Amino acid sequence: MPEQVFVPIASLAAFATVWVWVMILLAHFAMRRGLSAEERGNIAFPVPLWPVAPLLTLLFMGLVIAVLGMVEETRIALIAGLVWLGLLTAVWFARVRKNAVLAVTE
């Protein structure tokens, strides 16, 4: 496969994968924050080196995204990924959030 096709597709896949893992890590932080101290102590699968390891992982994911932006061949994938996230956010605010607020007030 020519490099002109492979690199943009591979970098789009890298951005998507990194974004998913960032969301998983942030969701895990949010879930842990909502637990009581007793519930946190009874977690069946504790994270080793909590919270240092997940924070280092978030920093690494940020580094990967930064590298995508620094390398000229992969920059377009970063831009496309950020535009896609912007569109998803706009749709969420325009349709989903409005419907969720209406459902709560009824």
PDB file of N, CA and C in Angstrom:
ATOM      1  N   MET A   1       0.852  -1.178   0.000  1.00  0.00           N
ATOM      2  CA  MET A   1       0.000   0.000   0.000  1.00  0.00           C
ATOM      3  C   MET A   1       0.896   1.239   0.000  1.00  0.00           C
ATOM      4  N   PRO A   2       0.581   2.215  -0.812  1.00  0.00           N
ATOM      5  CA  PRO A   2       1.424   3.421  -0.842  1.00  0.00           C
ATOM      6  C   PRO A   2       1.404   4.162   0.493  1.00  0.00           C
ATOM      7  N   GLU A   3       2.533   4.776   0.798  1.00  0.00           N
ATOM      8  CA  GLU A   3       2.664   5.496   2.064  1.00  0.00           C
ATOM      9  C   GLU A   3       1.674   6.655   2.160  1.00  0.00           C
ATOM     10  N   GLN A   4       1.313   7.255   1.017  1.00  0.00           N
ATOM     11  CA  GLN A   4       0.381   8.387   1.036  1.00  0.00           C
ATOM     12  C   GLN A   4      -0.988   7.965   1.575  1.00  0.00           C
ATOM     13  N   VAL A   5      -1.310   6.681   1.487  1.00  0.00           N
ATOM     14  CA  VAL A   5      -2.595   6.190   1.989  1.00  0.00           C
ATOM     15  C   VAL A   5      -2.435   5.590   3.379  1.00  0.00           C
ATOM     16  N   PHE A   6      -1.362   4.827   3.579  1.00  0.00           N
ATOM     17  CA  PHE A   6      -1.184   4.102   4.836  1.00  0.00           C
ATOM     18  C   PHE A   6      -1.002   5.024   6.031  1.00  0.00           C
ATOM     19  N   VAL A   7      -0.148   6.011   5.931  1.00  0.00           N
ATOM     20  CA  VAL A   7       0.176   6.877   7.076  1.00  0.00           C
ATOM     21  C   VAL A   7      -1.055   7.631   7.581  1.00  0.00           C
ATOM     22  N   PRO A   8      -1.852   8.277   6.711  1.00  0.00           N
ATOM     23  CA  PRO A   8      -3.040   8.966   7.241  1.00  0.00           C
ATOM     24  C   PRO A   8      -4.049   8.011   7.888  1.00  0.00           C
ATOM     25  N   ILE A   9      -4.236   6.838   7.293  1.00  0.00           N
ATOM     26  CA  ILE A   9      -5.192   5.884   7.880  1.00  0.00           C
ATOM     27  C   ILE A   9      -4.668   5.361   9.212  1.00  0.00           C
ATOM     28  N   ALA A  10      -3.393   5.025   9.263  1.00  0.00           N
ATOM     29  CA  ALA A  10      -2.809   4.534  10.512  1.00  0.00           C
ATOM     30  C   ALA A  10      -2.840   5.613  11.598  1.00  0.00           C
ATOM     31  N   SER A  11      -2.591   6.860  11.223  1.00  0.00           N
ATOM     32  CA  SER A  11      -2.605   7.926  12.229  1.00  0.00           C
ATOM     33  C   SER A  11      -4.029   8.239  12.686  1.00  0.00           C
ATOM     34  N   LEU A  12      -5.014   8.120  11.805  1.00  0.00           N
ATOM     35  CA  LEU A  12      -6.413   8.263  12.239  1.00  0.00           C
ATOM     36  C   LEU A  12      -6.778   7.169  13.234  1.00  0.00           C
ATOM     37  N   ALA A  13      -6.342   5.944  12.941  1.00  0.00           N
ATOM     38  CA  ALA A  13      -6.598   4.836  13.864  1.00  0.00           C
ATOM     39  C   ALA A  13      -5.892   5.073  15.199  1.00  0.00           C
ATOM     40  N   ALA A  14      -4.683   5.610  15.149  1.00  0.00           N
ATOM     41  CA  ALA A  14      -3.951   5.904  16.391  1.00  0.00           C
ATOM     42  C   ALA A  14      -4.692   6.961  17.202  1.00  0.00           C
ATOM     43  N   PHE A  15      -5.150   8.030  16.552  1.00  0.00           N
ATOM     44  CA  PHE A  15      -5.891   9.071  17.268  1.00  0.00           C
ATOM     45  C   PHE A  15      -7.148   8.492  17.906  1.00  0.00           C
ATOM     46  N   ALA A  16      -7.895   7.699  17.142  1.00  0.00           N
ATOM     47  CA  ALA A  16      -9.136   7.117  17.670  1.00  0.00           C
ATOM     48  C   ALA A  16      -8.851   6.205  18.859  1.00  0.00           C
ATOM     49  N   THR A  17      -7.817   5.398  18.756  1.00  0.00           N
ATOM     50  CA  THR A  17      -7.474   4.479  19.848  1.00  0.00           C
ATOM     51  C   THR A  17      -7.048   5.247  21.093  1.00  0.00           C
ATOM     52  N   VAL A  18      -6.211   6.237  20.908  1.00  0.00           N
ATOM     53  CA  VAL A  18      -5.759   7.041  22.054  1.00  0.00           C
ATOM     54  C   VAL A  18      -6.946   7.751  22.679  1.00  0.00           C
ATOM     55  N   TRP A  19      -7.838   8.301  21.876  1.00  0.00           N
ATOM     56  CA  TRP A  19      -8.998   9.013  22.412  1.00  0.00           C
ATOM     57  C   TRP A  19      -9.888   8.085  23.240  1.00  0.00           C
ATOM     58  N   VAL A  20     -10.096   6.873  22.741  1.00  0.00           N
ATOM     59  CA  VAL A  20     -10.915   5.905  23.489  1.00  0.00           C
ATOM     60  C   VAL A  20     -10.276   5.604  24.838  1.00  0.00           C
ATOM     61  N   TRP A  21      -8.964   5.387  24.866  1.00  0.00           N
ATOM     62  CA  TRP A  21      -8.308   5.078  26.126  1.00  0.00           C
ATOM     63  C   TRP A  21      -8.293   6.273  27.084  1.00  0.00           C
ATOM     64  N   VAL A  22      -8.189   7.465  26.554  1.00  0.00           N
ATOM     65  CA  VAL A  22      -8.275   8.653  27.413  1.00  0.00           C
ATOM     66  C   VAL A  22      -9.665   8.715  28.056  1.00  0.00           C
ATOM     67  N   MET A  23     -10.701   8.453  27.281  1.00  0.00           N
ATOM     68  CA  MET A  23     -12.067   8.479  27.822  1.00  0.00           C
ATOM     69  C   MET A  23     -12.265   7.383  28.869  1.00  0.00           C
ATOM     70  N   ILE A  24     -11.698   6.200  28.635  1.00  0.00           N
ATOM     71  CA  ILE A  24     -11.789   5.118  29.618  1.00  0.00           C
ATOM     72  C   ILE A  24     -11.104   5.527  30.916  1.00  0.00           C
ATOM     73  N   LEU A  25      -9.915   6.097  30.808  1.00  0.00           N
ATOM     74  CA  LEU A  25      -9.198   6.522  32.017  1.00  0.00           C
ATOM     75  C   LEU A  25      -9.951   7.620  32.766  1.00  0.00           C
ATOM     76  N   LEU A  26     -10.482   8.599  32.038  1.00  0.00           N
ATOM     77  CA  LEU A  26     -11.242   9.669  32.699  1.00  0.00           C
ATOM     78  C   LEU A  26     -12.519   9.138  33.330  1.00  0.00           C
ATOM     79  N   ALA A  27     -13.172   8.185  32.670  1.00  0.00           N
ATOM     80  CA  ALA A  27     -14.372   7.571  33.256  1.00  0.00           C
ATOM     81  C   ALA A  27     -14.015   6.804  34.527  1.00  0.00           C
ATOM     82  N   HIS A  28     -12.863   6.156  34.522  1.00  0.00           N
ATOM     83  CA  HIS A  28     -12.441   5.432  35.716  1.00  0.00           C
ATOM     84  C   HIS A  28     -12.174   6.390  36.877  1.00  0.00           C
ATOM     85  N   PHE A  29     -11.510   7.509  36.591  1.00  0.00           N
ATOM     86  CA  PHE A  29     -11.305   8.520  37.634  1.00  0.00           C
ATOM     87  C   PHE A  29     -12.641   9.012  38.176  1.00  0.00           C
ATOM     88  N   ALA A  30     -13.597   9.292  37.289  1.00  0.00           N
ATOM     89  CA  ALA A  30     -14.905   9.792  37.716  1.00  0.00           C
ATOM     90  C   ALA A  30     -15.644   8.745  38.536  1.00  0.00           C
ATOM     91  N   MET A  31     -15.557   7.487  38.123  1.00  0.00           N
ATOM     92  CA  MET A  31     -16.222   6.421  38.866  1.00  0.00           C
ATOM     93  C   MET A  31     -15.628   6.291  40.263  1.00  0.00           C
ATOM     94  N   ARG A  32     -14.306   6.310  40.348  1.00  0.00           N
ATOM     95  CA  ARG A  32     -13.650   6.203  41.651  1.00  0.00           C
ATOM     96  C   ARG A  32     -13.996   7.365  42.571  1.00  0.00           C
ATOM     97  N   ARG A  33     -14.098   8.559  41.984  1.00  0.00           N
ATOM     98  CA  ARG A  33     -14.431   9.738  42.777  1.00  0.00           C
ATOM     99  C   ARG A  33     -15.825   9.610  43.395  1.00  0.00           C
ATOM    100  N   GLY A  34     -16.723   8.896  42.724  1.00  0.00           N
ATOM    101  CA  GLY A  34     -18.079   8.739  43.228  1.00  0.00           C
ATOM    102  C   GLY A  34     -18.240   7.646  44.264  1.00  0.00           C
ATOM    103  N   LEU A  35     -17.197   6.866  44.507  1.00  0.00           N
ATOM    104  CA  LEU A  35     -17.283   5.777  45.474  1.00  0.00           C
ATOM    105  C   LEU A  35     -16.941   6.264  46.876  1.00  0.00           C
ATOM    106  N   SER A  36     -17.521   5.610  47.851  1.00  0.00           N
ATOM    107  CA  SER A  36     -17.144   5.896  49.234  1.00  0.00           C
ATOM    108  C   SER A  36     -15.801   5.227  49.523  1.00  0.00           C
ATOM    109  N   ALA A  37     -15.210   5.573  50.648  1.00  0.00           N
ATOM    110  CA  ALA A  37     -13.908   4.982  51.010  1.00  0.00           C
ATOM    111  C   ALA A  37     -14.039   3.468  51.175  1.00  0.00           C
ATOM    112  N   GLU A  38     -15.150   3.022  51.727  1.00  0.00           N
ATOM    113  CA  GLU A  38     -15.368   1.584  51.905  1.00  0.00           C
ATOM    114  C   GLU A  38     -15.502   0.879  50.549  1.00  0.00           C
ATOM    115  N   GLU A  39     -16.252   1.489  49.653  1.00  0.00           N
ATOM    116  CA  GLU A  39     -16.412   0.894  48.320  1.00  0.00           C
ATOM    117  C   GLU A  39     -15.082   0.840  47.577  1.00  0.00           C
ATOM    118  N   ARG A  40     -14.276   1.888  47.721  1.00  0.00           N
ATOM    119  CA  ARG A  40     -12.962   1.889  47.077  1.00  0.00           C
ATOM    120  C   ARG A  40     -12.066   0.795  47.640  1.00  0.00           C
ATOM    121  N   GLY A  41     -12.205   0.518  48.925  1.00  0.00           N
ATOM    122  CA  GLY A  41     -11.406  -0.544  49.552  1.00  0.00           C
ATOM    123  C   GLY A  41     -11.831  -1.930  49.132  1.00  0.00           C
ATOM    124  N   ASN A  42     -13.083  -2.080  48.667  1.00  0.00           N
ATOM    125  CA  ASN A  42     -13.606  -3.387  48.283  1.00  0.00           C
ATOM    126  C   ASN A  42     -13.585  -3.632  46.778  1.00  0.00           C
ATOM    127  N   ILE A  43     -12.850  -2.851  46.025  1.00  0.00           N
ATOM    128  CA  ILE A  43     -12.783  -3.052  44.573  1.00  0.00           C
ATOM    129  C   ILE A  43     -12.129  -4.401  44.300  1.00  0.00           C
ATOM    130  N   ALA A  44     -12.807  -5.222  43.480  1.00  0.00           N
ATOM    131  CA  ALA A  44     -12.329  -6.577  43.204  1.00  0.00           C
ATOM    132  C   ALA A  44     -11.052  -6.593  42.370  1.00  0.00           C
ATOM    133  N   PHE A  45     -10.888  -5.620  41.487  1.00  0.00           N
ATOM    134  CA  PHE A  45      -9.712  -5.565  40.630  1.00  0.00           C
ATOM    135  C   PHE A  45      -9.018  -4.216  40.812  1.00  0.00           C
ATOM    136  N   PRO A  46      -8.234  -4.076  41.873  1.00  0.00           N
ATOM    137  CA  PRO A  46      -7.580  -2.780  42.117  1.00  0.00           C
ATOM    138  C   PRO A  46      -6.544  -2.462  41.041  1.00  0.00           C
ATOM    139  N   VAL A  47      -6.380  -1.184  40.773  1.00  0.00           N
ATOM    140  CA  VAL A  47      -5.393  -0.721  39.802  1.00  0.00           C
ATOM    141  C   VAL A  47      -4.046  -0.607  40.504  1.00  0.00           C
ATOM    142  N   PRO A  48      -3.016  -1.270  39.963  1.00  0.00           N
ATOM    143  CA  PRO A  48      -1.699  -1.140  40.590  1.00  0.00           C
ATOM    144  C   PRO A  48      -1.215   0.314  40.542  1.00  0.00           C
ATOM    145  N   LEU A  49      -0.611   0.741  41.622  1.00  0.00           N
ATOM    146  CA  LEU A  49      -0.031   2.083  41.753  1.00  0.00           C
ATOM    147  C   LEU A  49      -1.063   3.191  41.538  1.00  0.00           C
ATOM    148  N   TRP A  50      -2.292   2.968  41.983  1.00  0.00           N
ATOM    149  CA  TRP A  50      -3.347   3.974  41.855  1.00  0.00           C
ATOM    150  C   TRP A  50      -2.976   5.173  42.702  1.00  0.00           C
ATOM    151  N   PRO A  51      -3.123   6.379  42.308  1.00  0.00           N
ATOM    152  CA  PRO A  51      -3.529   6.935  41.020  1.00  0.00           C
ATOM    153  C   PRO A  51      -2.350   7.304  40.122  1.00  0.00           C
ATOM    154  N   VAL A  52      -1.128   6.938  40.531  1.00  0.00           N
ATOM    155  CA  VAL A  52       0.054   7.355  39.776  1.00  0.00           C
ATOM    156  C   VAL A  52       0.072   6.718  38.384  1.00  0.00           C
ATOM    157  N   ALA A  53      -0.167   5.415  38.296  1.00  0.00           N
ATOM    158  CA  ALA A  53      -0.096   4.723  37.004  1.00  0.00           C
ATOM    159  C   ALA A  53      -1.115   5.285  35.999  1.00  0.00           C
ATOM    160  N   PRO A  54      -2.390   5.469  36.378  1.00  0.00           N
ATOM    161  CA  PRO A  54      -3.332   6.059  35.413  1.00  0.00           C
ATOM    162  C   PRO A  54      -2.967   7.490  35.016  1.00  0.00           C
ATOM    163  N   LEU A  55      -2.422   8.278  35.943  1.00  0.00           N
ATOM    164  CA  LEU A  55      -2.007   9.637  35.599  1.00  0.00           C
ATOM    165  C   LEU A  55      -0.837   9.630  34.614  1.00  0.00           C
ATOM    166  N   LEU A  56       0.119   8.736  34.834  1.00  0.00           N
ATOM    167  CA  LEU A  56       1.228   8.608  33.892  1.00  0.00           C
ATOM    168  C   LEU A  56       0.727   8.141  32.523  1.00  0.00           C
ATOM    169  N   THR A  57      -0.261   7.273  32.528  1.00  0.00           N
ATOM    170  CA  THR A  57      -0.849   6.813  31.271  1.00  0.00           C
ATOM    171  C   THR A  57      -1.530   7.959  30.538  1.00  0.00           C
ATOM    172  N   LEU A  58      -2.257   8.810  31.274  1.00  0.00           N
ATOM    173  CA  LEU A  58      -2.875   9.981  30.650  1.00  0.00           C
ATOM    174  C   LEU A  58      -1.820  10.911  30.060  1.00  0.00           C
ATOM    175  N   LEU A  59      -0.721  11.099  30.769  1.00  0.00           N
ATOM    176  CA  LEU A  59       0.360  11.935  30.248  1.00  0.00           C
ATOM    177  C   LEU A  59       0.948  11.332  28.969  1.00  0.00           C
ATOM    178  N   PHE A  60       1.118  10.013  28.969  1.00  0.00           N
ATOM    179  CA  PHE A  60       1.643   9.350  27.782  1.00  0.00           C
ATOM    180  C   PHE A  60       0.683   9.511  26.603  1.00  0.00           C
ATOM    181  N   MET A  61      -0.616   9.356  26.847  1.00  0.00           N
ATOM    182  CA  MET A  61      -1.604   9.524  25.774  1.00  0.00           C
ATOM    183  C   MET A  61      -1.563  10.962  25.243  1.00  0.00           C
ATOM    184  N   GLY A  62      -1.386  11.933  26.121  1.00  0.00           N
ATOM    185  CA  GLY A  62      -1.247  13.315  25.683  1.00  0.00           C
ATOM    186  C   GLY A  62      -0.006  13.501  24.827  1.00  0.00           C
ATOM    187  N   LEU A  63       1.072  12.820  25.188  1.00  0.00           N
ATOM    188  CA  LEU A  63       2.300  12.881  24.394  1.00  0.00           C
ATOM    189  C   LEU A  63       2.071  12.294  23.001  1.00  0.00           C
ATOM    190  N   VAL A  64       1.354  11.183  22.925  1.00  0.00           N
ATOM    191  CA  VAL A  64       1.063  10.572  21.623  1.00  0.00           C
ATOM    192  C   VAL A  64       0.259  11.539  20.753  1.00  0.00           C
ATOM    193  N   ILE A  65      -0.738  12.184  21.338  1.00  0.00           N
ATOM    194  CA  ILE A  65      -1.545  13.147  20.578  1.00  0.00           C
ATOM    195  C   ILE A  65      -0.679  14.334  20.148  1.00  0.00           C
ATOM    196  N   ALA A  66       0.211  14.777  21.019  1.00  0.00           N
ATOM    197  CA  ALA A  66       1.106  15.884  20.664  1.00  0.00           C
ATOM    198  C   ALA A  66       2.030  15.493  19.511  1.00  0.00           C
ATOM    199  N   VAL A  67       2.538  14.276  19.535  1.00  0.00           N
ATOM    200  CA  VAL A  67       3.409  13.817  18.460  1.00  0.00           C
ATOM    201  C   VAL A  67       2.638  13.738  17.148  1.00  0.00           C
ATOM    202  N   LEU A  68       1.373  13.295  17.208  1.00  0.00           N
ATOM    203  CA  LEU A  68       0.552  13.291  15.992  1.00  0.00           C
ATOM    204  C   LEU A  68       0.489  14.691  15.386  1.00  0.00           C
ATOM    205  N   GLY A  69       0.413  15.706  16.237  1.00  0.00           N
ATOM    206  CA  GLY A  69       0.356  17.073  15.739  1.00  0.00           C
ATOM    207  C   GLY A  69       1.687  17.617  15.274  1.00  0.00           C
ATOM    208  N   MET A  70       2.780  17.104  15.808  1.00  0.00           N
ATOM    209  CA  MET A  70       4.104  17.615  15.444  1.00  0.00           C
ATOM    210  C   MET A  70       4.634  17.036  14.132  1.00  0.00           C
ATOM    211  N   VAL A  71       4.248  15.819  13.823  1.00  0.00           N
ATOM    212  CA  VAL A  71       4.738  15.166  12.609  1.00  0.00           C
ATOM    213  C   VAL A  71       3.853  15.587  11.440  1.00  0.00           C
ATOM    214  N   GLU A  72       4.452  16.119  10.414  1.00  0.00           N
ATOM    215  CA  GLU A  72       3.689  16.689   9.299  1.00  0.00           C
ATOM    216  C   GLU A  72       2.768  15.662   8.636  1.00  0.00           C
ATOM    217  N   GLU A  73       3.232  14.430   8.474  1.00  0.00           N
ATOM    218  CA  GLU A  73       2.438  13.409   7.790  1.00  0.00           C
ATOM    219  C   GLU A  73       1.191  12.999   8.580  1.00  0.00           C
ATOM    220  N   THR A  74       1.244  13.114   9.917  1.00  0.00           N
ATOM    221  CA  THR A  74       0.114  12.677  10.743  1.00  0.00           C
ATOM    222  C   THR A  74      -0.741  13.832  11.243  1.00  0.00           C
ATOM    223  N   ARG A  75      -0.312  15.054  10.984  1.00  0.00           N
ATOM    224  CA  ARG A  75      -1.051  16.228  11.489  1.00  0.00           C
ATOM    225  C   ARG A  75      -2.481  16.279  10.968  1.00  0.00           C
ATOM    226  N   ILE A  76      -2.694  15.882   9.718  1.00  0.00           N
ATOM    227  CA  ILE A  76      -4.037  15.923   9.137  1.00  0.00           C
ATOM    228  C   ILE A  76      -4.980  14.978   9.884  1.00  0.00           C
ATOM    229  N   ALA A  77      -4.458  13.851  10.353  1.00  0.00           N
ATOM    230  CA  ALA A  77      -5.287  12.922  11.124  1.00  0.00           C
ATOM    231  C   ALA A  77      -5.696  13.541  12.453  1.00  0.00           C
ATOM    232  N   LEU A  78      -4.780  14.257  13.095  1.00  0.00           N
ATOM    233  CA  LEU A  78      -5.114  14.938  14.344  1.00  0.00           C
ATOM    234  C   LEU A  78      -6.183  15.998  14.099  1.00  0.00           C
ATOM    235  N   ILE A  79      -6.008  16.772  13.044  1.00  0.00           N
ATOM    236  CA  ILE A  79      -6.992  17.814  12.723  1.00  0.00           C
ATOM    237  C   ILE A  79      -8.347  17.190  12.423  1.00  0.00           C
ATOM    238  N   ALA A  80      -8.351  16.118  11.614  1.00  0.00           N
ATOM    239  CA  ALA A  80      -9.614  15.444  11.282  1.00  0.00           C
ATOM    240  C   ALA A  80     -10.270  14.876  12.538  1.00  0.00           C
ATOM    241  N   GLY A  81      -9.470  14.299  13.434  1.00  0.00           N
ATOM    242  CA  GLY A  81     -10.017  13.753  14.677  1.00  0.00           C
ATOM    243  C   GLY A  81     -10.613  14.844  15.565  1.00  0.00           C
ATOM    244  N   LEU A  82      -9.930  15.972  15.653  1.00  0.00           N
ATOM    245  CA  LEU A  82     -10.448  17.072  16.478  1.00  0.00           C
ATOM    246  C   LEU A  82     -11.706  17.687  15.869  1.00  0.00           C
ATOM    247  N   VAL A  83     -11.740  17.777  14.537  1.00  0.00           N
ATOM    248  CA  VAL A  83     -12.954  18.273  13.874  1.00  0.00           C
ATOM    249  C   VAL A  83     -14.113  17.317  14.142  1.00  0.00           C
ATOM    250  N   TRP A  84     -13.856  16.010  14.046  1.00  0.00           N
ATOM    251  CA  TRP A  84     -14.894  15.014  14.311  1.00  0.00           C
ATOM    252  C   TRP A  84     -15.401  15.139  15.754  1.00  0.00           C
ATOM    253  N   LEU A  85     -14.496  15.291  16.712  1.00  0.00           N
ATOM    254  CA  LEU A  85     -14.909  15.449  18.107  1.00  0.00           C
ATOM    255  C   LEU A  85     -15.709  16.738  18.292  1.00  0.00           C
ATOM    256  N   GLY A  86     -15.332  17.798  17.583  1.00  0.00           N
ATOM    257  CA  GLY A  86     -16.098  19.041  17.637  1.00  0.00           C
ATOM    258  C   GLY A  86     -17.506  18.864  17.095  1.00  0.00           C
ATOM    259  N   LEU A  87     -17.626  18.144  15.979  1.00  0.00           N
ATOM    260  CA  LEU A  87     -18.959  17.879  15.418  1.00  0.00           C
ATOM    261  C   LEU A  87     -19.807  17.036  16.367  1.00  0.00           C
ATOM    262  N   LEU A  88     -19.206  16.015  16.948  1.00  0.00           N
ATOM    263  CA  LEU A  88     -19.944  15.187  17.908  1.00  0.00           C
ATOM    264  C   LEU A  88     -20.397  16.004  19.118  1.00  0.00           C
ATOM    265  N   THR A  89     -19.543  16.897  19.580  1.00  0.00           N
ATOM    266  CA  THR A  89     -19.898  17.748  20.715  1.00  0.00           C
ATOM    267  C   THR A  89     -21.036  18.694  20.350  1.00  0.00           C
ATOM    268  N   ALA A  90     -20.984  19.270  19.158  1.00  0.00           N
ATOM    269  CA  ALA A  90     -22.049  20.171  18.718  1.00  0.00           C
ATOM    270  C   ALA A  90     -23.384  19.435  18.617  1.00  0.00           C
ATOM    271  N   VAL A  91     -23.365  18.227  18.061  1.00  0.00           N
ATOM    272  CA  VAL A  91     -24.599  17.431  17.962  1.00  0.00           C
ATOM    273  C   VAL A  91     -25.106  17.085  19.352  1.00  0.00           C
ATOM    274  N   TRP A  92     -24.213  16.741  20.251  1.00  0.00           N
ATOM    275  CA  TRP A  92     -24.634  16.400  21.608  1.00  0.00           C
ATOM    276  C   TRP A  92     -25.332  17.587  22.273  1.00  0.00           C
ATOM    277  N   PHE A  93     -24.731  18.769  22.172  1.00  0.00           N
ATOM    278  CA  PHE A  93     -25.345  19.947  22.779  1.00  0.00           C
ATOM    279  C   PHE A  93     -26.660  20.304  22.090  1.00  0.00           C
ATOM    280  N   ALA A  94     -26.732  20.133  20.779  1.00  0.00           N
ATOM    281  CA  ALA A  94     -27.924  20.532  20.030  1.00  0.00           C
ATOM    282  C   ALA A  94     -29.082  19.558  20.211  1.00  0.00           C
ATOM    283  N   ARG A  95     -28.800  18.269  20.310  1.00  0.00           N
ATOM    284  CA  ARG A  95     -29.879  17.296  20.306  1.00  0.00           C
ATOM    285  C   ARG A  95     -29.965  16.492  21.596  1.00  0.00           C
ATOM    286  N   VAL A  96     -28.908  15.863  21.987  1.00  0.00           N
ATOM    287  CA  VAL A  96     -28.951  14.919  23.095  1.00  0.00           C
ATOM    288  C   VAL A  96     -29.135  15.628  24.421  1.00  0.00           C
ATOM    289  N   ARG A  97     -28.333  16.627  24.698  1.00  0.00           N
ATOM    290  CA  ARG A  97     -28.417  17.324  25.982  1.00  0.00           C
ATOM    291  C   ARG A  97     -29.776  17.984  26.152  1.00  0.00           C
ATOM    292  N   LYS A  98     -30.283  18.607  25.094  1.00  0.00           N
ATOM    293  CA  LYS A  98     -31.583  19.268  25.154  1.00  0.00           C
ATOM    294  C   LYS A  98     -32.677  18.250  25.490  1.00  0.00           C
ATOM    295  N   ASN A  99     -32.627  17.080  24.854  1.00  0.00           N
ATOM    296  CA  ASN A  99     -33.616  16.040  25.126  1.00  0.00           C
ATOM    297  C   ASN A  99     -33.468  15.485  26.540  1.00  0.00           C
ATOM    298  N   ALA A 100     -32.245  15.365  27.023  1.00  0.00           N
ATOM    299  CA  ALA A 100     -32.027  14.872  28.379  1.00  0.00           C
ATOM    300  C   ALA A 100     -32.562  15.870  29.403  1.00  0.00           C
ATOM    301  N   VAL A 101     -32.358  17.154  29.169  1.00  0.00           N
ATOM    302  CA  VAL A 101     -32.872  18.181  30.082  1.00  0.00           C
ATOM    303  C   VAL A 101     -34.398  18.179  30.070  1.00  0.00           C
ATOM    304  N   LEU A 102     -35.000  18.022  28.904  1.00  0.00           N
ATOM    305  CA  LEU A 102     -36.450  17.963  28.813  1.00  0.00           C
ATOM    306  C   LEU A 102     -37.001  16.750  29.543  1.00  0.00           C
ATOM    307  N   ALA A 103     -36.342  15.620  29.439  1.00  0.00           N
ATOM    308  CA  ALA A 103     -36.796  14.399  30.106  1.00  0.00           C
ATOM    309  C   ALA A 103     -36.718  14.526  31.616  1.00  0.00           C
ATOM    310  N   VAL A 104     -35.714  15.227  32.123  1.00  0.00           N
ATOM    311  CA  VAL A 104     -35.549  15.394  33.570  1.00  0.00           C
ATOM    312  C   VAL A 104     -36.608  16.355  34.108  1.00  0.00           C
ATOM    313  N   THR A 105     -36.962  17.380  33.356  1.00  0.00           N
ATOM    314  CA  THR A 105     -37.910  18.381  33.854  1.00  0.00           C
ATOM    315  C   THR A 105     -39.359  17.907  33.749  1.00  0.00           C
ATOM    316  N   GLU A 106     -39.619  16.866  32.995  1.00  0.00           N
ATOM    317  CA  GLU A 106     -41.017  16.404  32.848  1.00  0.00           C
ATOM    318  C   GLU A 106     -41.479  15.588  34.014  1.00  0.00           C
TER     319      GLU A 106
END
